[in-house]
Amino acid sequence: MDTLALIVVVVILLLGTFLSLLSRYKKCPSDKILVIYGKVGRTQGGTSKSAKCIHGGAAFIWPIIQHYEFLNLTPISINVNLTNALSKQNIRIDVPSRFTVGISTETGIMQNAAERLLGLRQNEIEELAKDIIFGQLRLVVATMDIEEINTDRDKFLAAVSRNVETELKKIGLRLINVNVTDIKDESGYIEALGKEAAAKAINDAKKSVAEKTRDGSIGEAVALQDQRIRVAEANAKAVEGEDMAKITVANSEANRREKLAEAERQAIAAERVQTAKAKEESYKAEQLSEHARAIRDKATKEADIIVSAEIAKRQAEIAAAAQAEKARLLAKGEADAAYSKMEAQARGIQEILLKQAEGFGEIVKAAGGNADQAVKLIVADKLEDLVKVQVEAIKNLKIDKVTVWDSMGGKNGTPATANFLSGMAKSIPPMNELFNMAGMELPSFLGKEKGSDEAPEVPVEVSVENTPDETSDEL
């Protein structure tokens, strides 16, 4: 009995294990993707795979080391109401549209879906796809003119599908359908295009009606003309027959001849009346035809003038926008150039000041850190230039000839000419004052101030020829 019980327990354990293993064998429905994650193998590069995707098959899920989830392939319909999108002509338009997307079943894209969409709810996937669609739809609108978007819908939808699907594949989605319901613009440009097309169709219809009316009037006039010609021919033949009969009995019936003559007169009068009526009706038909032609010409000219005016208006608007954009670009370029030039000049001045500061620092360092001594060194270095400035003050003074009639009225009976030359020499700025303004003393080898140890003055020699009362000197 113990052996039998043991066998039963073993059988139950084996059966339970087998059923448990069978429950780990998962089949993938046709409207879902089976995503197995965990330890699922390695890529060709040797790295571990993040997930294994299966569509339309089945796989065994190993306990403990593997787990699974399903991705739903049900299409998602996204309503995208794009507003104020800027077109290539800088005109903002509204593009309400509806996009249908779904998770892709392609091998590489399906792997992207497993890595980026697994675990997300459908509304979260819809919001993610909606953000991508908005951006790409704006990009496509910005690269096309309104005429292309409005008239060539196939080109517009192809560009939208190409751009949107490229971006959707990066997150594992594919674009199923695009439906643009209507396109509007805030400036009324599209509506104006529609009115232009409607006006052209109306003008064409009016032209066709006028042409048909003209053809009908001409046909009616031709028919009346043919009728009158045939009637006149029949009458002529009848008269001719009557005349032949009358000629046969003319010799015997004088009275008959009179009646025949009267009949002929009446026939001629009636013929003339009919001819006049035919001309009158013909003139009326021609008048109606000319009136119809005038109406047609007027409609044609009005259509040409209106279309030309609309085209000129659009050209003027486009030219004005282009001119304004050009002026903005030129102003921006000039501002950038001026800013760059001023920035370069500022850097140059900064470098000059930095180098001068470094040079002054070196001079102060050479003077042992004494700023006063450094200033004296700088002034001493510029002494030659200062003296040169003093000399240049009278260097170019040209005196070809000076005639002085001197009456010996100078100090202590000296000639006035000497005082004149001495005054010119003293008009030069004294070197001692220049040194005092710089906070320095004149070196002793250049002379000293009057006072103690006064340096002797250098006499100014003047040659003067004296006369008893007056002196005439020529320099």
Protein backbone atom coordinates (compact mmCIF):
# COMPACT_ATOMS: atom_id res chain seq x y z
CA MET A 1 0.00 0.00 0.00
CA ASP A 2 2.84 2.36 0.78
CA THR A 3 4.37 1.68 -2.61
CA LEU A 4 1.08 2.33 -4.36
CA ALA A 5 0.61 5.61 -2.49
CA LEU A 6 4.12 6.68 -3.40
CA ILE A 7 3.49 5.89 -7.05
CA VAL A 8 0.26 7.93 -6.98
CA VAL A 9 2.06 10.89 -5.41
CA VAL A 10 4.81 10.73 -8.02
CA VAL A 11 2.29 10.52 -10.85
CA ILE A 12 0.40 13.52 -9.44
CA LEU A 13 3.62 15.51 -9.14
CA LEU A 14 4.66 14.66 -12.67
CA LEU A 15 1.20 15.50 -14.00
CA GLY A 16 1.16 18.82 -12.14
CA THR A 17 4.62 19.65 -13.45
CA PHE A 18 3.59 18.78 -16.98
CA LEU A 19 0.42 20.89 -16.76
CA SER A 20 2.42 23.77 -15.29
CA LEU A 21 4.86 23.57 -18.18
CA LEU A 22 2.00 23.47 -20.64
CA SER A 23 0.58 26.67 -19.13
CA ARG A 24 3.89 28.41 -19.85
CA TYR A 25 3.49 27.79 -23.59
CA LYS A 26 1.88 31.01 -24.87
CA LYS A 27 0.25 31.56 -28.24
CA CYS A 28 0.22 35.04 -29.80
CA PRO A 29 -3.13 36.24 -31.25
CA SER A 30 -3.13 37.88 -34.67
CA ASP A 31 -4.07 41.32 -33.25
CA LYS A 32 -1.29 41.35 -30.63
CA ILE A 33 2.49 41.12 -30.30
CA LEU A 34 3.94 38.74 -27.71
CA VAL A 35 6.88 40.41 -25.92
CA ILE A 36 9.13 38.09 -23.94
CA TYR A 37 11.62 39.78 -21.63
CA GLY A 38 14.18 38.61 -19.13
CA LYS A 39 16.91 36.26 -20.26
CA VAL A 40 16.07 35.99 -23.95
CA GLY A 41 19.51 35.56 -25.54
CA ARG A 42 22.17 37.81 -27.05
CA THR A 43 22.51 39.92 -30.16
CA GLN A 44 25.11 39.34 -32.89
CA GLY A 45 27.34 41.87 -31.17
CA GLY A 46 27.38 39.81 -27.98
CA THR A 47 25.16 42.10 -25.87
CA SER A 48 22.07 40.88 -24.06
CA LYS A 49 18.77 41.39 -25.87
CA SER A 50 16.23 43.54 -24.07
CA ALA A 51 13.21 41.62 -25.38
CA LYS A 52 12.02 39.09 -27.91
CA CYS A 53 8.96 39.96 -30.04
CA ILE A 54 6.68 37.37 -31.68
CA HIS A 55 3.71 38.06 -33.96
CA GLY A 56 1.54 35.25 -35.29
CA GLY A 57 3.16 32.33 -33.48
CA ALA A 58 3.82 30.81 -30.08
CA ALA A 59 6.71 30.47 -27.61
CA PHE A 60 7.57 28.74 -24.38
CA ILE A 61 8.07 31.10 -21.42
CA TRP A 62 10.68 29.73 -19.02
CA PRO A 63 9.64 30.08 -15.41
CA ILE A 64 11.60 32.42 -13.11
CA ILE A 65 14.04 33.69 -15.78
CA GLN A 66 11.44 34.95 -18.29
CA HIS A 67 8.15 36.86 -18.33
CA TYR A 68 5.82 38.10 -21.05
CA GLU A 69 3.32 40.81 -21.99
CA PHE A 70 1.20 41.64 -25.03
CA LEU A 71 1.22 44.78 -27.21
CA ASN A 72 -2.15 45.59 -28.79
CA LEU A 73 -2.15 46.16 -32.58
CA THR A 74 -5.55 47.92 -32.59
CA PRO A 75 -5.29 51.13 -34.70
CA ILE A 76 -5.36 54.43 -32.81
CA SER A 77 -7.24 57.38 -34.33
CA ILE A 78 -5.72 60.74 -33.37
CA ASN A 79 -7.48 64.04 -34.01
CA VAL A 80 -4.83 66.72 -34.73
CA ASN A 81 -6.18 70.26 -34.96
CA LEU A 82 -3.11 72.22 -36.05
CA THR A 83 -3.68 76.00 -35.78
CA ASN A 84 -1.57 79.05 -36.65
CA ALA A 85 1.02 77.01 -38.56
CA LEU A 86 3.45 79.29 -40.44
CA SER A 87 3.66 78.47 -44.15
CA LYS A 88 6.57 79.17 -46.53
CA GLN A 89 4.91 82.52 -47.44
CA ASN A 90 4.79 83.55 -43.74
CA ILE A 91 0.98 83.16 -43.73
CA ARG A 92 -0.52 81.31 -40.76
CA ILE A 93 -3.00 78.54 -41.61
CA ASP A 94 -5.16 75.99 -39.77
CA VAL A 95 -4.85 72.34 -40.84
CA PRO A 96 -7.41 70.15 -39.03
CA SER A 97 -6.62 66.50 -39.72
CA ARG A 98 -7.00 62.98 -38.41
CA PHE A 99 -4.18 60.44 -38.26
CA THR A 100 -4.55 56.70 -37.82
CA VAL A 101 -1.50 54.94 -36.32
CA GLY A 102 -0.71 51.54 -34.89
CA ILE A 103 2.15 49.46 -33.54
CA SER A 104 4.28 48.15 -36.40
CA THR A 105 4.91 44.44 -36.99
CA GLU A 106 8.24 44.94 -38.80
CA THR A 107 11.12 43.22 -37.04
CA GLY A 108 13.28 46.21 -36.10
CA ILE A 109 10.37 48.62 -35.49
CA MET A 110 8.55 46.00 -33.41
CA GLN A 111 11.64 45.84 -31.19
CA ASN A 112 11.46 49.64 -30.73
CA ALA A 113 7.82 49.31 -29.68
CA ALA A 114 8.76 46.67 -27.11
CA GLU A 115 11.47 48.93 -25.67
CA ARG A 116 9.49 52.21 -25.64
CA LEU A 117 5.76 51.41 -25.48
CA LEU A 118 5.50 48.27 -23.33
CA GLY A 119 3.45 49.01 -20.23
CA LEU A 120 1.97 52.29 -21.54
CA ARG A 121 -1.79 52.73 -21.72
CA GLN A 122 -3.44 53.54 -25.04
CA ASN A 123 -4.10 57.20 -24.15
CA GLU A 124 -0.42 57.64 -23.21
CA ILE A 125 0.66 56.16 -26.56
CA GLU A 126 -1.84 58.47 -28.30
CA GLU A 127 -0.41 61.59 -26.58
CA LEU A 128 3.15 60.56 -27.44
CA ALA A 129 2.27 60.05 -31.11
CA LYS A 130 0.25 63.29 -31.15
CA ASP A 131 3.27 65.34 -30.05
CA ILE A 132 5.39 63.84 -32.83
CA ILE A 133 2.67 64.43 -35.45
CA PHE A 134 2.22 68.08 -34.42
CA GLY A 135 5.92 68.82 -34.84
CA GLN A 136 6.30 67.12 -38.22
CA LEU A 137 3.05 68.62 -39.57
CA ARG A 138 4.28 72.13 -38.72
CA LEU A 139 7.61 71.32 -40.40
CA VAL A 140 5.92 70.20 -43.64
CA VAL A 141 3.62 73.27 -43.71
CA ALA A 142 6.65 75.56 -43.29
CA THR A 143 8.29 74.11 -46.43
CA MET A 144 5.32 74.52 -48.80
CA ASP A 145 3.33 77.37 -50.35
CA ILE A 146 -0.40 77.72 -49.65
CA GLU A 147 -1.18 77.06 -53.33
CA GLU A 148 0.64 73.70 -53.13
CA ILE A 149 -1.09 72.73 -49.87
CA ASN A 150 -4.54 73.72 -51.14
CA THR A 151 -4.40 72.42 -54.73
CA ASP A 152 -1.86 69.59 -54.67
CA ARG A 153 -3.20 67.60 -51.71
CA ASP A 154 -1.42 64.41 -52.84
CA LYS A 155 1.98 66.09 -52.61
CA PHE A 156 1.12 67.56 -49.21
CA LEU A 157 -0.14 64.24 -47.82
CA ALA A 158 2.89 62.41 -49.23
CA ALA A 159 5.27 64.82 -47.50
CA VAL A 160 3.33 64.56 -44.21
CA SER A 161 3.24 60.76 -44.38
CA ARG A 162 6.96 60.54 -45.16
CA ASN A 163 8.04 62.83 -42.31
CA VAL A 164 5.59 61.55 -39.70
CA GLU A 165 6.19 57.85 -40.38
CA THR A 166 9.98 58.30 -40.14
CA GLU A 167 9.62 59.73 -36.64
CA LEU A 168 6.91 57.28 -35.53
CA LYS A 169 9.13 54.30 -36.44
CA LYS A 170 11.62 55.43 -33.80
CA ILE A 171 9.10 54.57 -31.07
CA GLY A 172 7.70 51.47 -32.82
CA LEU A 173 4.60 52.94 -34.53
CA ARG A 174 3.56 53.04 -38.16
CA LEU A 175 1.28 55.50 -39.99
CA ILE A 176 -1.84 53.82 -41.39
CA ASN A 177 -3.84 56.75 -42.79
CA VAL A 178 -3.87 60.56 -43.01
CA ASN A 179 -7.04 62.56 -43.64
CA VAL A 180 -6.92 66.37 -43.91
CA THR A 181 -10.48 67.64 -43.51
CA ASP A 182 -10.12 71.32 -44.39
CA ILE A 183 -7.49 74.07 -44.65
CA LYS A 184 -8.12 77.66 -43.60
CA ASP A 185 -5.91 80.73 -43.20
CA GLU A 186 -6.35 83.79 -41.02
CA SER A 187 -5.76 86.25 -43.88
CA GLY A 188 -8.46 84.82 -46.17
CA TYR A 189 -5.95 83.97 -48.90
CA ILE A 190 -7.41 80.52 -49.63
CA GLU A 191 -10.93 81.95 -49.73
CA ALA A 192 -9.72 84.60 -52.20
CA LEU A 193 -8.28 81.84 -54.41
CA GLY A 194 -11.67 80.10 -54.36
CA LYS A 195 -13.48 83.31 -55.27
CA GLU A 196 -11.05 83.85 -58.12
CA ALA A 197 -11.74 80.35 -59.49
CA ALA A 198 -15.51 80.85 -59.09
CA ALA A 199 -15.37 84.21 -60.88
CA LYS A 200 -13.43 82.63 -63.72
CA ALA A 201 -15.99 79.80 -64.02
CA ILE A 202 -18.88 82.30 -64.03
CA ASN A 203 -17.19 84.41 -66.71
CA ASP A 204 -16.56 81.32 -68.82
CA ALA A 205 -20.22 80.31 -68.47
CA LYS A 206 -21.39 83.79 -69.47
CA LYS A 207 -19.10 83.69 -72.47
CA SER A 208 -20.46 80.28 -73.51
CA VAL A 209 -24.08 81.49 -73.16
CA ALA A 210 -23.33 84.55 -75.30
CA GLU A 211 -21.72 82.41 -77.96
CA LYS A 212 -24.67 79.98 -78.00
CA THR A 213 -27.11 82.90 -78.23
CA ARG A 214 -25.15 84.32 -81.14
CA ASP A 215 -25.13 80.96 -82.93
CA GLY A 216 -28.89 80.60 -82.39
CA SER A 217 -29.61 84.06 -83.80
CA ILE A 218 -27.43 83.46 -86.83
CA GLY A 219 -29.06 80.07 -87.46
CA GLU A 220 -32.53 81.56 -87.21
CA ALA A 221 -31.63 84.33 -89.67
CA VAL A 222 -30.18 81.80 -92.11
CA ALA A 223 -33.32 79.66 -91.89
CA LEU A 224 -35.59 82.64 -92.57
CA GLN A 225 -33.41 83.67 -95.47
CA ASP A 226 -33.62 80.17 -97.01
CA GLN A 227 -37.37 80.13 -96.52
CA ARG A 228 -37.84 83.42 -98.33
CA ILE A 229 -35.57 82.33 -101.19
CA ARG A 230 -37.55 79.10 -101.72
CA VAL A 231 -40.90 80.92 -101.57
CA ALA A 232 -39.70 83.46 -104.10
CA GLU A 233 -38.48 80.70 -106.43
CA ALA A 234 -41.88 78.91 -106.19
CA ASN A 235 -43.72 82.16 -106.90
CA ALA A 236 -41.49 82.85 -109.88
CA LYS A 237 -42.20 79.43 -111.34
CA ALA A 238 -45.93 79.88 -110.79
CA VAL A 239 -45.88 83.26 -112.53
CA GLU A 240 -43.92 81.78 -115.38
CA GLY A 241 -46.53 79.04 -115.85
CA GLU A 242 -49.35 81.52 -115.72
CA ASP A 243 -47.63 83.74 -118.27
CA MET A 244 -47.25 80.83 -120.70
CA ALA A 245 -50.94 80.03 -120.36
CA LYS A 246 -51.90 83.64 -120.76
CA ILE A 247 -49.77 83.95 -123.89
CA THR A 248 -51.73 81.08 -125.43
CA VAL A 249 -55.15 82.79 -125.00
CA ALA A 250 -53.91 86.43 -125.23
CA ASN A 251 -54.99 86.86 -128.87
CA SER A 252 -58.63 85.96 -128.21
CA GLU A 253 -59.24 87.35 -124.76
CA ALA A 254 -58.38 91.04 -124.39
CA ASN A 255 -60.09 91.21 -121.05
CA ARG A 256 -57.96 88.31 -119.87
CA ARG A 257 -54.85 90.23 -120.82
CA GLU A 258 -55.92 93.15 -118.66
CA LYS A 259 -56.52 90.86 -115.71
CA LEU A 260 -53.20 89.17 -116.31
CA ALA A 261 -51.47 92.56 -116.41
CA GLU A 262 -53.15 93.47 -113.13
CA ALA A 263 -52.12 90.14 -111.65
CA GLU A 264 -48.54 90.72 -112.72
CA ARG A 265 -48.54 94.15 -111.14
CA GLN A 266 -49.88 92.79 -107.90
CA ALA A 267 -47.39 89.94 -107.98
CA ILE A 268 -44.47 92.36 -108.43
CA ALA A 269 -45.74 94.58 -105.61
CA ALA A 270 -46.15 91.59 -103.31
CA GLU A 271 -42.67 90.37 -104.15
CA ARG A 272 -41.19 93.75 -103.31
CA VAL A 273 -43.08 93.85 -100.03
CA GLN A 274 -41.82 90.39 -99.11
CA THR A 275 -38.28 91.35 -100.04
CA ALA A 276 -38.46 94.45 -97.82
CA LYS A 277 -39.81 92.38 -94.92
CA ALA A 278 -37.02 89.83 -95.37
CA LYS A 279 -34.38 92.58 -95.23
CA GLU A 280 -36.03 94.06 -92.14
CA GLU A 281 -35.96 90.72 -90.33
CA SER A 282 -32.38 90.14 -91.42
CA TYR A 283 -31.36 93.50 -89.98
CA LYS A 284 -33.06 92.64 -86.68
CA ALA A 285 -31.19 89.32 -86.52
CA GLU A 286 -27.87 91.08 -87.15
CA GLN A 287 -28.72 93.62 -84.43
CA LEU A 288 -29.36 90.83 -81.89
CA SER A 289 -26.10 89.13 -82.90
CA GLU A 290 -24.11 92.36 -82.45
CA HIS A 291 -25.73 92.92 -79.05
CA ALA A 292 -24.76 89.42 -77.91
CA ARG A 293 -21.20 89.96 -79.14
CA ALA A 294 -20.99 93.28 -77.22
CA ILE A 295 -22.12 91.54 -74.02
CA ARG A 296 -19.51 88.82 -74.55
CA ASP A 297 -16.70 91.36 -75.18
CA LYS A 298 -17.68 93.34 -72.10
CA ALA A 299 -17.62 90.21 -69.90
CA THR A 300 -14.23 89.17 -71.32
CA LYS A 301 -12.69 92.60 -70.68
CA GLU A 302 -14.11 92.76 -67.14
CA ALA A 303 -12.67 89.31 -66.37
CA ASP A 304 -9.24 90.31 -67.77
CA ILE A 305 -9.15 93.55 -65.77
CA ILE A 306 -10.24 91.90 -62.50
CA VAL A 307 -7.75 89.01 -62.84
CA SER A 308 -4.92 91.43 -63.79
CA ALA A 309 -5.73 93.64 -60.80
CA GLU A 310 -5.75 90.66 -58.42
CA ILE A 311 -2.40 89.43 -59.79
CA ALA A 312 -0.87 92.92 -59.51
CA LYS A 313 -2.14 93.20 -55.95
CA ARG A 314 -0.62 89.85 -54.98
CA GLN A 315 2.68 90.73 -56.66
CA ALA A 316 2.79 94.07 -54.80
CA GLU A 317 2.09 92.33 -51.47
CA ILE A 318 4.80 89.72 -52.09
CA ALA A 319 7.29 92.39 -53.23
CA ALA A 320 6.55 94.54 -50.15
CA ALA A 321 7.03 91.56 -47.83
CA ALA A 322 10.31 90.65 -49.58
CA GLN A 323 11.54 94.28 -49.38
CA ALA A 324 10.68 94.47 -45.67
CA GLU A 325 12.46 91.18 -44.99
CA LYS A 326 15.51 92.41 -46.96
CA ALA A 327 15.57 95.69 -44.97
CA ARG A 328 15.39 93.75 -41.70
CA LEU A 329 18.26 91.48 -42.74
CA LEU A 330 20.41 94.43 -43.91
CA ALA A 331 19.77 96.34 -40.67
CA LYS A 332 20.64 93.28 -38.61
CA GLY A 333 23.84 92.73 -40.64
CA GLU A 334 24.91 96.36 -40.25
CA ALA A 335 24.21 96.25 -36.51
CA ASP A 336 26.26 93.04 -36.14
CA ALA A 337 29.14 94.55 -38.17
CA ALA A 338 29.12 97.77 -36.10
CA TYR A 339 29.03 95.76 -32.88
CA SER A 340 31.95 93.56 -34.03
CA LYS A 341 33.99 96.63 -35.09
CA MET A 342 33.40 98.43 -31.78
CA GLU A 343 34.15 95.24 -29.86
CA ALA A 344 37.46 94.84 -31.77
CA GLN A 345 38.37 98.51 -31.13
CA ALA A 346 37.59 98.10 -27.43
CA ARG A 347 39.80 95.01 -27.25
CA GLY A 348 42.61 96.95 -29.01
CA ILE A 349 42.35 99.90 -26.60
CA GLN A 350 42.22 97.47 -23.67
CA GLU A 351 45.39 95.74 -24.89
CA ILE A 352 47.18 99.13 -25.32
CA LEU A 353 46.19 100.23 -21.82
CA LEU A 354 47.24 96.85 -20.36
CA LYS A 355 50.63 97.07 -22.09
CA GLN A 356 51.09 100.69 -20.94
CA ALA A 357 50.17 99.66 -17.37
CA GLU A 358 52.70 96.80 -17.56
CA GLY A 359 55.34 99.26 -18.88
CA PHE A 360 54.62 101.76 -16.08
CA GLY A 361 54.81 98.91 -13.59
CA GLU A 362 58.26 97.96 -14.90
CA ILE A 363 59.42 101.62 -14.65
CA VAL A 364 58.20 101.81 -11.02
CA LYS A 365 59.96 98.51 -10.31
CA ALA A 366 63.19 99.92 -11.87
CA ALA A 367 62.85 103.00 -9.61
CA GLY A 368 62.79 100.78 -6.53
CA GLY A 369 59.05 101.06 -6.05
CA ASN A 370 59.18 104.87 -5.70
CA ALA A 371 56.46 106.39 -7.87
CA ASP A 372 57.98 109.91 -7.78
CA GLN A 373 61.32 108.60 -8.99
CA ALA A 374 59.49 106.68 -11.72
CA VAL A 375 57.75 109.88 -12.90
CA LYS A 376 61.12 111.64 -12.96
CA LEU A 377 62.57 108.81 -15.04
CA ILE A 378 59.69 109.19 -17.53
CA VAL A 379 60.13 112.99 -17.73
CA ALA A 380 63.91 112.62 -18.09
CA ASP A 381 63.28 110.18 -20.93
CA LYS A 382 61.05 112.79 -22.60
CA LEU A 383 63.47 115.73 -21.92
CA GLU A 384 64.84 115.65 -25.44
CA ASP A 385 61.31 115.88 -26.85
CA LEU A 386 60.50 118.81 -24.52
CA VAL A 387 63.58 120.72 -25.66
CA LYS A 388 62.72 119.94 -29.25
CA VAL A 389 59.22 121.42 -28.70
CA GLN A 390 60.83 124.61 -27.31
CA VAL A 391 63.11 124.88 -30.32
CA GLU A 392 60.25 124.19 -32.74
CA ALA A 393 58.37 127.16 -31.24
CA ILE A 394 60.56 129.66 -33.10
CA LYS A 395 62.26 127.40 -35.61
CA ASN A 396 59.98 128.24 -38.50
CA LEU A 397 59.73 131.94 -37.66
CA LYS A 398 61.00 133.58 -40.84
CA ILE A 399 62.31 137.17 -40.58
CA ASP A 400 63.90 138.18 -43.82
CA LYS A 401 64.76 141.71 -42.70
CA VAL A 402 64.09 143.87 -39.64
CA THR A 403 64.86 147.60 -39.78
CA VAL A 404 64.97 149.36 -36.42
CA TRP A 405 65.44 153.13 -35.99
CA ASP A 406 66.89 153.12 -32.48
CA SER A 407 67.05 156.31 -30.45
CA MET A 408 69.15 154.67 -27.70
CA GLY A 409 66.12 154.73 -25.44
CA GLY A 410 66.91 151.47 -23.71
CA LYS A 411 67.74 151.00 -20.03
CA ASN A 412 70.91 152.85 -18.98
CA GLY A 413 71.26 154.22 -22.49
CA THR A 414 71.41 150.82 -24.13
CA PRO A 415 69.98 150.29 -27.61
CA ALA A 416 66.29 149.29 -27.73
CA THR A 417 67.21 146.59 -30.26
CA ALA A 418 68.95 144.59 -27.53
CA ASN A 419 65.81 144.70 -25.43
CA PHE A 420 63.78 143.49 -28.43
CA LEU A 421 65.99 140.43 -29.00
CA SER A 422 66.17 139.70 -25.28
CA GLY A 423 62.35 139.76 -25.14
CA MET A 424 62.10 137.26 -28.02
CA ALA A 425 64.48 134.88 -26.24
CA LYS A 426 62.49 135.17 -23.01
CA SER A 427 59.21 134.32 -24.83
CA ILE A 428 60.38 130.69 -24.98
CA PRO A 429 59.00 128.76 -21.96
CA PRO A 430 61.82 128.51 -19.39
CA MET A 431 63.10 125.01 -18.88
CA ASN A 432 63.19 125.51 -15.12
CA GLU A 433 59.41 126.11 -15.04
CA LEU A 434 58.80 122.95 -17.06
CA PHE A 435 60.77 120.96 -14.46
CA ASN A 436 58.91 122.66 -11.59
CA MET A 437 55.53 121.71 -13.13
CA ALA A 438 56.74 118.12 -13.31
CA GLY A 439 57.76 118.21 -9.62
CA MET A 440 61.48 118.02 -10.43
CA GLU A 441 64.58 120.19 -9.99
CA LEU A 442 66.65 121.34 -12.91
CA PRO A 443 69.95 119.41 -12.90
CA SER A 444 72.91 121.53 -11.82
CA PHE A 445 74.76 121.00 -15.06
CA LEU A 446 71.95 122.83 -16.89
CA GLY A 447 72.10 125.89 -14.60
CA LYS A 448 70.53 127.05 -11.32
CA GLU A 449 67.90 129.55 -10.23
CA LYS A 450 68.87 133.00 -9.11
CA GLY A 451 69.62 133.15 -5.42
CA SER A 452 72.43 131.29 -3.79
CA ASP A 453 74.92 129.94 -6.25
CA GLU A 454 73.19 131.80 -9.12
CA ALA A 455 74.39 130.74 -12.52
CA PRO A 456 75.67 133.59 -14.69
CA GLU A 457 73.42 134.77 -17.51
CA VAL A 458 74.61 134.38 -21.02
CA PRO A 459 74.84 137.86 -22.52
CA VAL A 460 72.97 138.62 -25.71
CA GLU A 461 75.19 140.42 -28.16
CA VAL A 462 73.56 142.87 -30.50
CA SER A 463 75.42 144.81 -33.13
CA VAL A 464 74.00 148.32 -33.32
CA GLU A 465 75.15 151.15 -35.49
CA ASN A 466 74.50 154.41 -33.64
CA THR A 467 73.71 157.79 -35.06
CA PRO A 468 73.75 161.00 -32.99
CA ASP A 469 69.96 160.88 -32.45
CA GLU A 470 68.68 157.64 -34.04
CA THR A 471 70.03 154.18 -34.78
CA SER A 472 69.08 152.07 -37.84
CA ASP A 473 69.79 148.35 -37.44
CA GLU A 474 69.18 145.71 -40.05
CA LEU A 475 68.93 142.10 -38.99
